[in-house]
Amino acid sequence: MRKRTRSILEELNNLHASRGDEAIQSTGTNIIESAVNLLQRINETYDAKTATELERRFLNSIRAGSSKKFVTGVNKVIESKK
């Protein structure tokens, strides 16, 4: 069973890899749409000052390649509500 499962997973991986540019475009589009939706939710949920700060942290986290700054910002907002 393991050999067969591994074979199916390998085939799926190869299929994904063979799509190359198309897969990158599709993934990029999905990520951008998700980011836009997140920013809209932030603006709907928080006051202007907090939303601006969270947006800044979100964009800086993407630039830095780490979610730490964004998580810290969200945690600060959660703590301030308590």
PDB file of N, CA and C in Angstrom:
ATOM      1  N   MET A   1       0.824  -1.204   0.000  1.00  0.00           N
ATOM      2  CA  MET A   1       0.000   0.000   0.000  1.00  0.00           C
ATOM      3  C   MET A   1       0.865   1.263   0.000  1.00  0.00           C
ATOM      4  N   ARG A   2       1.923   1.250   0.764  1.00  0.00           N
ATOM      5  CA  ARG A   2       2.776   2.433   0.830  1.00  0.00           C
ATOM      6  C   ARG A   2       3.368   2.778  -0.526  1.00  0.00           C
ATOM      7  N   LYS A   3       3.829   1.748  -1.241  1.00  0.00           N
ATOM      8  CA  LYS A   3       4.445   1.999  -2.537  1.00  0.00           C
ATOM      9  C   LYS A   3       3.433   2.645  -3.483  1.00  0.00           C
ATOM     10  N   ARG A   4       2.197   2.159  -3.454  1.00  0.00           N
ATOM     11  CA  ARG A   4       1.166   2.702  -4.320  1.00  0.00           C
ATOM     12  C   ARG A   4       0.833   4.143  -3.924  1.00  0.00           C
ATOM     13  N   THR A   5       0.707   4.400  -2.633  1.00  0.00           N
ATOM     14  CA  THR A   5       0.425   5.748  -2.162  1.00  0.00           C
ATOM     15  C   THR A   5       1.534   6.705  -2.572  1.00  0.00           C
ATOM     16  N   ARG A   6       2.754   6.279  -2.363  1.00  0.00           N
ATOM     17  CA  ARG A   6       3.887   7.117  -2.730  1.00  0.00           C
ATOM     18  C   ARG A   6       3.843   7.412  -4.223  1.00  0.00           C
ATOM     19  N   SER A   7       3.486   6.431  -5.013  1.00  0.00           N
ATOM     20  CA  SER A   7       3.419   6.602  -6.454  1.00  0.00           C
ATOM     21  C   SER A   7       2.358   7.641  -6.830  1.00  0.00           C
ATOM     22  N   ILE A   8       1.214   7.588  -6.195  1.00  0.00           N
ATOM     23  CA  ILE A   8       0.150   8.555  -6.475  1.00  0.00           C
ATOM     24  C   ILE A   8       0.610   9.951  -6.088  1.00  0.00           C
ATOM     25  N   LEU A   9       1.241  10.078  -4.922  1.00  0.00           N
ATOM     26  CA  LEU A   9       1.739  11.384  -4.483  1.00  0.00           C
ATOM     27  C   LEU A   9       2.807  11.912  -5.421  1.00  0.00           C
ATOM     28  N   GLU A  10       3.671  11.042  -5.899  1.00  0.00           N
ATOM     29  CA  GLU A  10       4.705  11.457  -6.842  1.00  0.00           C
ATOM     30  C   GLU A  10       4.074  11.950  -8.138  1.00  0.00           C
ATOM     31  N   GLU A  11       3.046  11.255  -8.606  1.00  0.00           N
ATOM     32  CA  GLU A  11       2.373  11.673  -9.833  1.00  0.00           C
ATOM     33  C   GLU A  11       1.718  13.041  -9.663  1.00  0.00           C
ATOM     34  N   LEU A  12       1.086  13.255  -8.522  1.00  0.00           N
ATOM     35  CA  LEU A  12       0.473  14.559  -8.262  1.00  0.00           C
ATOM     36  C   LEU A  12       1.532  15.657  -8.215  1.00  0.00           C
ATOM     37  N   ASN A  13       2.654  15.366  -7.581  1.00  0.00           N
ATOM     38  CA  ASN A  13       3.755  16.328  -7.537  1.00  0.00           C
ATOM     39  C   ASN A  13       4.276  16.642  -8.920  1.00  0.00           C
ATOM     40  N   ASN A  14       4.455  15.622  -9.732  1.00  0.00           N
ATOM     41  CA  ASN A  14       4.949  15.812 -11.092  1.00  0.00           C
ATOM     42  C   ASN A  14       3.956  16.612 -11.932  1.00  0.00           C
ATOM     43  N   LEU A  15       2.690  16.359 -11.740  1.00  0.00           N
ATOM     44  CA  LEU A  15       1.661  17.102 -12.465  1.00  0.00           C
ATOM     45  C   LEU A  15       1.734  18.573 -12.095  1.00  0.00           C
ATOM     46  N   HIS A  16       1.850  18.848 -10.808  1.00  0.00           N
ATOM     47  CA  HIS A  16       1.941  20.226 -10.335  1.00  0.00           C
ATOM     48  C   HIS A  16       3.209  20.893 -10.862  1.00  0.00           C
ATOM     49  N   ALA A  17       4.320  20.196 -10.843  1.00  0.00           N
ATOM     50  CA  ALA A  17       5.592  20.745 -11.302  1.00  0.00           C
ATOM     51  C   ALA A  17       5.574  21.012 -12.809  1.00  0.00           C
ATOM     52  N   SER A  18       4.884  20.175 -13.552  1.00  0.00           N
ATOM     53  CA  SER A  18       4.864  20.343 -15.005  1.00  0.00           C
ATOM     54  C   SER A  18       4.040  21.562 -15.428  1.00  0.00           C
ATOM     55  N   ARG A  19       3.183  22.024 -14.552  1.00  0.00           N
ATOM     56  CA  ARG A  19       2.370  23.197 -14.876  1.00  0.00           C
ATOM     57  C   ARG A  19       3.191  24.473 -14.775  1.00  0.00           C
ATOM     58  N   GLY A  20       4.240  24.479 -13.962  1.00  0.00           N
ATOM     59  CA  GLY A  20       5.202  25.566 -13.871  1.00  0.00           C
ATOM     60  C   GLY A  20       4.617  26.951 -13.756  1.00  0.00           C
ATOM     61  N   ASP A  21       4.751  27.724 -14.842  1.00  0.00           N
ATOM     62  CA  ASP A  21       4.332  29.123 -14.852  1.00  0.00           C
ATOM     63  C   ASP A  21       2.846  29.282 -14.558  1.00  0.00           C
ATOM     64  N   GLU A  22       2.059  28.372 -15.073  1.00  0.00           N
ATOM     65  CA  GLU A  22       0.614  28.436 -14.843  1.00  0.00           C
ATOM     66  C   GLU A  22       0.299  28.284 -13.355  1.00  0.00           C
ATOM     67  N   ALA A  23       0.991  27.380 -12.683  1.00  0.00           N
ATOM     68  CA  ALA A  23       0.775  27.164 -11.248  1.00  0.00           C
ATOM     69  C   ALA A  23       1.218  28.386 -10.453  1.00  0.00           C
ATOM     70  N   ILE A  24       2.317  28.991 -10.849  1.00  0.00           N
ATOM     71  CA  ILE A  24       2.803  30.186 -10.156  1.00  0.00           C
ATOM     72  C   ILE A  24       1.799  31.322 -10.328  1.00  0.00           C
ATOM     73  N   GLN A  25       1.300  31.501 -11.523  1.00  0.00           N
ATOM     74  CA  GLN A  25       0.320  32.554 -11.773  1.00  0.00           C
ATOM     75  C   GLN A  25      -0.943  32.318 -10.948  1.00  0.00           C
ATOM     76  N   SER A  26      -1.423  31.098 -10.939  1.00  0.00           N
ATOM     77  CA  SER A  26      -2.632  30.755 -10.192  1.00  0.00           C
ATOM     78  C   SER A  26      -2.433  30.958  -8.691  1.00  0.00           C
ATOM     79  N   THR A  27      -1.318  30.493  -8.173  1.00  0.00           N
ATOM     80  CA  THR A  27      -1.024  30.654  -6.748  1.00  0.00           C
ATOM     81  C   THR A  27      -0.900  32.130  -6.392  1.00  0.00           C
ATOM     82  N   GLY A  28      -0.209  32.886  -7.205  1.00  0.00           N
ATOM     83  CA  GLY A  28      -0.062  34.322  -6.968  1.00  0.00           C
ATOM     84  C   GLY A  28      -1.397  35.035  -6.948  1.00  0.00           C
ATOM     85  N   THR A  29      -2.246  34.707  -7.889  1.00  0.00           N
ATOM     86  CA  THR A  29      -3.574  35.310  -7.959  1.00  0.00           C
ATOM     87  C   THR A  29      -4.375  34.999  -6.697  1.00  0.00           C
ATOM     88  N   ASN A  30      -4.332  33.750  -6.256  1.00  0.00           N
ATOM     89  CA  ASN A  30      -5.063  33.355  -5.053  1.00  0.00           C
ATOM     90  C   ASN A  30      -4.542  34.090  -3.818  1.00  0.00           C
ATOM     91  N   ILE A  31      -3.232  34.221  -3.709  1.00  0.00           N
ATOM     92  CA  ILE A  31      -2.641  34.906  -2.557  1.00  0.00           C
ATOM     93  C   ILE A  31      -3.024  36.385  -2.558  1.00  0.00           C
ATOM     94  N   ILE A  32      -2.971  37.020  -3.714  1.00  0.00           N
ATOM     95  CA  ILE A  32      -3.317  38.447  -3.797  1.00  0.00           C
ATOM     96  C   ILE A  32      -4.782  38.662  -3.437  1.00  0.00           C
ATOM     97  N   GLU A  33      -5.675  37.817  -3.956  1.00  0.00           N
ATOM     98  CA  GLU A  33      -7.093  37.946  -3.631  1.00  0.00           C
ATOM     99  C   GLU A  33      -7.330  37.749  -2.143  1.00  0.00           C
ATOM    100  N   SER A  34      -6.619  36.805  -1.533  1.00  0.00           N
ATOM    101  CA  SER A  34      -6.749  36.584  -0.089  1.00  0.00           C
ATOM    102  C   SER A  34      -6.248  37.786   0.695  1.00  0.00           C
ATOM    103  N   ALA A  35      -5.142  38.365   0.260  1.00  0.00           N
ATOM    104  CA  ALA A  35      -4.591  39.539   0.941  1.00  0.00           C
ATOM    105  C   ALA A  35      -5.557  40.717   0.843  1.00  0.00           C
ATOM    106  N   VAL A  36      -6.141  40.930  -0.318  1.00  0.00           N
ATOM    107  CA  VAL A  36      -7.108  42.016  -0.497  1.00  0.00           C
ATOM    108  C   VAL A  36      -8.304  41.796   0.425  1.00  0.00           C
ATOM    109  N   ASN A  37      -8.802  40.561   0.498  1.00  0.00           N
ATOM    110  CA  ASN A  37      -9.926  40.246   1.386  1.00  0.00           C
ATOM    111  C   ASN A  37      -9.561  40.495   2.845  1.00  0.00           C
ATOM    112  N   LEU A  38      -8.350  40.122   3.245  1.00  0.00           N
ATOM    113  CA  LEU A  38      -7.895  40.348   4.613  1.00  0.00           C
ATOM    114  C   LEU A  38      -7.846  41.841   4.922  1.00  0.00           C
ATOM    115  N   LEU A  39      -7.287  42.632   4.025  1.00  0.00           N
ATOM    116  CA  LEU A  39      -7.201  44.078   4.248  1.00  0.00           C
ATOM    117  C   LEU A  39      -8.589  44.708   4.343  1.00  0.00           C
ATOM    118  N   GLN A  40      -9.532  44.225   3.545  1.00  0.00           N
ATOM    119  CA  GLN A  40     -10.903  44.724   3.632  1.00  0.00           C
ATOM    120  C   GLN A  40     -11.517  44.384   4.990  1.00  0.00           C
ATOM    121  N   ARG A  41     -11.267  43.158   5.455  1.00  0.00           N
ATOM    122  CA  ARG A  41     -11.796  42.755   6.773  1.00  0.00           C
ATOM    123  C   ARG A  41     -11.182  43.582   7.890  1.00  0.00           C
ATOM    124  N   ILE A  42      -9.893  43.842   7.790  1.00  0.00           N
ATOM    125  CA  ILE A  42      -9.223  44.663   8.800  1.00  0.00           C
ATOM    126  C   ILE A  42      -9.866  46.044   8.843  1.00  0.00           C
ATOM    127  N   ASN A  43     -10.096  46.639   7.672  1.00  0.00           N
ATOM    128  CA  ASN A  43     -10.697  47.976   7.616  1.00  0.00           C
ATOM    129  C   ASN A  43     -12.136  48.001   8.112  1.00  0.00           C
ATOM    130  N   GLU A  44     -12.858  46.909   7.921  1.00  0.00           N
ATOM    131  CA  GLU A  44     -14.242  46.824   8.401  1.00  0.00           C
ATOM    132  C   GLU A  44     -14.306  46.572   9.908  1.00  0.00           C
ATOM    133  N   THR A  45     -13.294  45.905  10.449  1.00  0.00           N
ATOM    134  CA  THR A  45     -13.332  45.464  11.843  1.00  0.00           C
ATOM    135  C   THR A  45     -12.771  46.489  12.818  1.00  0.00           C
ATOM    136  N   TYR A  46     -11.723  47.193  12.420  1.00  0.00           N
ATOM    137  CA  TYR A  46     -11.009  48.078  13.343  1.00  0.00           C
ATOM    138  C   TYR A  46     -11.155  49.540  12.954  1.00  0.00           C
ATOM    139  N   ASP A  47     -10.898  50.409  13.942  1.00  0.00           N
ATOM    140  CA  ASP A  47     -10.916  51.838  13.668  1.00  0.00           C
ATOM    141  C   ASP A  47      -9.772  52.174  12.708  1.00  0.00           C
ATOM    142  N   ALA A  48      -9.809  53.373  12.140  1.00  0.00           N
ATOM    143  CA  ALA A  48      -8.856  53.755  11.089  1.00  0.00           C
ATOM    144  C   ALA A  48      -7.404  53.662  11.542  1.00  0.00           C
ATOM    145  N   LYS A  49      -7.109  54.117  12.753  1.00  0.00           N
ATOM    146  CA  LYS A  49      -5.732  54.103  13.249  1.00  0.00           C
ATOM    147  C   LYS A  49      -5.213  52.670  13.408  1.00  0.00           C
ATOM    148  N   THR A  50      -6.017  51.816  14.024  1.00  0.00           N
ATOM    149  CA  THR A  50      -5.620  50.418  14.228  1.00  0.00           C
ATOM    150  C   THR A  50      -5.504  49.689  12.898  1.00  0.00           C
ATOM    151  N   ALA A  51      -6.452  49.927  11.997  1.00  0.00           N
ATOM    152  CA  ALA A  51      -6.422  49.280  10.682  1.00  0.00           C
ATOM    153  C   ALA A  51      -5.174  49.666   9.914  1.00  0.00           C
ATOM    154  N   THR A  52      -4.812  50.941   9.965  1.00  0.00           N
ATOM    155  CA  THR A  52      -3.607  51.400   9.279  1.00  0.00           C
ATOM    156  C   THR A  52      -2.362  50.722   9.842  1.00  0.00           C
ATOM    157  N   GLU A  53      -2.304  50.613  11.166  1.00  0.00           N
ATOM    158  CA  GLU A  53      -1.164  49.965  11.815  1.00  0.00           C
ATOM    159  C   GLU A  53      -1.080  48.484  11.430  1.00  0.00           C
ATOM    160  N   LEU A  54      -2.209  47.788  11.419  1.00  0.00           N
ATOM    161  CA  LEU A  54      -2.212  46.366  11.049  1.00  0.00           C
ATOM    162  C   LEU A  54      -1.862  46.175   9.571  1.00  0.00           C
ATOM    163  N   GLU A  55      -2.344  47.055   8.711  1.00  0.00           N
ATOM    164  CA  GLU A  55      -1.991  46.989   7.288  1.00  0.00           C
ATOM    165  C   GLU A  55      -0.483  47.158   7.104  1.00  0.00           C
ATOM    166  N   ARG A  56       0.082  48.134   7.820  1.00  0.00           N
ATOM    167  CA  ARG A  56       1.521  48.380   7.742  1.00  0.00           C
ATOM    168  C   ARG A  56       2.301  47.153   8.209  1.00  0.00           C
ATOM    169  N   ARG A  57       1.880  46.587   9.319  1.00  0.00           N
ATOM    170  CA  ARG A  57       2.553  45.394   9.835  1.00  0.00           C
ATOM    171  C   ARG A  57       2.427  44.216   8.862  1.00  0.00           C
ATOM    172  N   PHE A  58       1.255  44.091   8.255  1.00  0.00           N
ATOM    173  CA  PHE A  58       1.029  43.009   7.301  1.00  0.00           C
ATOM    174  C   PHE A  58       1.978  43.132   6.102  1.00  0.00           C
ATOM    175  N   LEU A  59       2.051  44.322   5.533  1.00  0.00           N
ATOM    176  CA  LEU A  59       2.929  44.538   4.378  1.00  0.00           C
ATOM    177  C   LEU A  59       4.411  44.382   4.744  1.00  0.00           C
ATOM    178  N   ASN A  60       4.789  44.869   5.905  1.00  0.00           N
ATOM    179  CA  ASN A  60       6.180  44.699   6.353  1.00  0.00           C
ATOM    180  C   ASN A  60       6.511  43.233   6.594  1.00  0.00           C
ATOM    181  N   SER A  61       5.556  42.471   7.087  1.00  0.00           N
ATOM    182  CA  SER A  61       5.776  41.048   7.296  1.00  0.00           C
ATOM    183  C   SER A  61       6.023  40.321   5.977  1.00  0.00           C
ATOM    184  N   ILE A  62       5.292  40.727   4.957  1.00  0.00           N
ATOM    185  CA  ILE A  62       5.489  40.122   3.629  1.00  0.00           C
ATOM    186  C   ILE A  62       6.888  40.474   3.118  1.00  0.00           C
ATOM    187  N   ARG A  63       7.266  41.754   3.231  1.00  0.00           N
ATOM    188  CA  ARG A  63       8.591  42.176   2.774  1.00  0.00           C
ATOM    189  C   ARG A  63       9.698  41.432   3.508  1.00  0.00           C
ATOM    190  N   ALA A  64       9.522  41.257   4.821  1.00  0.00           N
ATOM    191  CA  ALA A  64      10.547  40.611   5.638  1.00  0.00           C
ATOM    192  C   ALA A  64      10.509  39.087   5.509  1.00  0.00           C
ATOM    193  N   GLY A  65       9.421  38.552   4.982  1.00  0.00           N
ATOM    194  CA  GLY A  65       9.296  37.103   4.845  1.00  0.00           C
ATOM    195  C   GLY A  65       9.023  36.418   6.175  1.00  0.00           C
ATOM    196  N   SER A  66       8.392  37.148   7.090  1.00  0.00           N
ATOM    197  CA  SER A  66       8.102  36.600   8.412  1.00  0.00           C
ATOM    198  C   SER A  66       6.782  37.183   8.906  1.00  0.00           C
ATOM    199  N   SER A  67       5.975  36.351   9.510  1.00  0.00           N
ATOM    200  CA  SER A  67       4.675  36.809  10.008  1.00  0.00           C
ATOM    201  C   SER A  67       4.750  37.377  11.421  1.00  0.00           C
ATOM    202  N   LYS A  68       5.924  37.380  12.011  1.00  0.00           N
ATOM    203  CA  LYS A  68       6.090  37.759  13.411  1.00  0.00           C
ATOM    204  C   LYS A  68       5.550  39.157  13.723  1.00  0.00           C
ATOM    205  N   LYS A  69       5.879  40.157  12.902  1.00  0.00           N
ATOM    206  CA  LYS A  69       5.431  41.525  13.170  1.00  0.00           C
ATOM    207  C   LYS A  69       3.908  41.635  13.105  1.00  0.00           C
ATOM    208  N   PHE A  70       3.306  40.946  12.153  1.00  0.00           N
ATOM    209  CA  PHE A  70       1.851  41.004  12.023  1.00  0.00           C
ATOM    210  C   PHE A  70       1.189  40.334  13.222  1.00  0.00           C
ATOM    211  N   VAL A  71       1.693  39.178  13.606  1.00  0.00           N
ATOM    212  CA  VAL A  71       1.134  38.452  14.751  1.00  0.00           C
ATOM    213  C   VAL A  71       1.254  39.300  16.016  1.00  0.00           C
ATOM    214  N   THR A  72       2.394  39.959  16.187  1.00  0.00           N
ATOM    215  CA  THR A  72       2.594  40.836  17.340  1.00  0.00           C
ATOM    216  C   THR A  72       1.560  41.952  17.355  1.00  0.00           C
ATOM    217  N   GLY A  73       1.307  42.561  16.209  1.00  0.00           N
ATOM    218  CA  GLY A  73       0.319  43.637  16.102  1.00  0.00           C
ATOM    219  C   GLY A  73      -1.080  43.167  16.428  1.00  0.00           C
ATOM    220  N   VAL A  74      -1.465  42.029  15.906  1.00  0.00           N
ATOM    221  CA  VAL A  74      -2.802  41.492  16.182  1.00  0.00           C
ATOM    222  C   VAL A  74      -2.926  41.162  17.663  1.00  0.00           C
ATOM    223  N   ASN A  75      -1.879  40.592  18.237  1.00  0.00           N
ATOM    224  CA  ASN A  75      -1.910  40.274  19.674  1.00  0.00           C
ATOM    225  C   ASN A  75      -2.063  41.531  20.522  1.00  0.00           C
ATOM    226  N   LYS A  76      -1.416  42.627  20.124  1.00  0.00           N
ATOM    227  CA  LYS A  76      -1.555  43.897  20.847  1.00  0.00           C
ATOM    228  C   LYS A  76      -3.006  44.394  20.808  1.00  0.00           C
ATOM    229  N   VAL A  77      -3.640  44.267  19.648  1.00  0.00           N
ATOM    230  CA  VAL A  77      -5.035  44.689  19.516  1.00  0.00           C
ATOM    231  C   VAL A  77      -5.923  43.828  20.398  1.00  0.00           C
ATOM    232  N   ILE A  78      -5.687  42.530  20.405  1.00  0.00           N
ATOM    233  CA  ILE A  78      -6.486  41.614  21.228  1.00  0.00           C
ATOM    234  C   ILE A  78      -6.315  41.947  22.703  1.00  0.00           C
ATOM    235  N   GLU A  79      -5.082  42.187  23.125  1.00  0.00           N
ATOM    236  CA  GLU A  79      -4.799  42.519  24.530  1.00  0.00           C
ATOM    237  C   GLU A  79      -5.455  43.837  24.928  1.00  0.00           C
ATOM    238  N   SER A  80      -5.464  44.816  24.029  1.00  0.00           N
ATOM    239  CA  SER A  80      -6.046  46.115  24.361  1.00  0.00           C
ATOM    240  C   SER A  80      -7.562  46.053  24.508  1.00  0.00           C
ATOM    241  N   LYS A  81      -8.190  45.047  23.886  1.00  0.00           N
ATOM    242  CA  LYS A  81      -9.645  44.892  23.991  1.00  0.00           C
ATOM    243  C   LYS A  81     -10.058  44.268  25.312  1.00  0.00           C
ATOM    244  N   LYS A  82      -9.117  43.600  25.977  1.00  0.00           N
ATOM    245  CA  LYS A  82      -9.468  42.901  27.238  1.00  0.00           C
ATOM    246  C   LYS A  82      -9.622  43.842  28.377  1.00  0.00           C
TER     247      LYS A  82
END
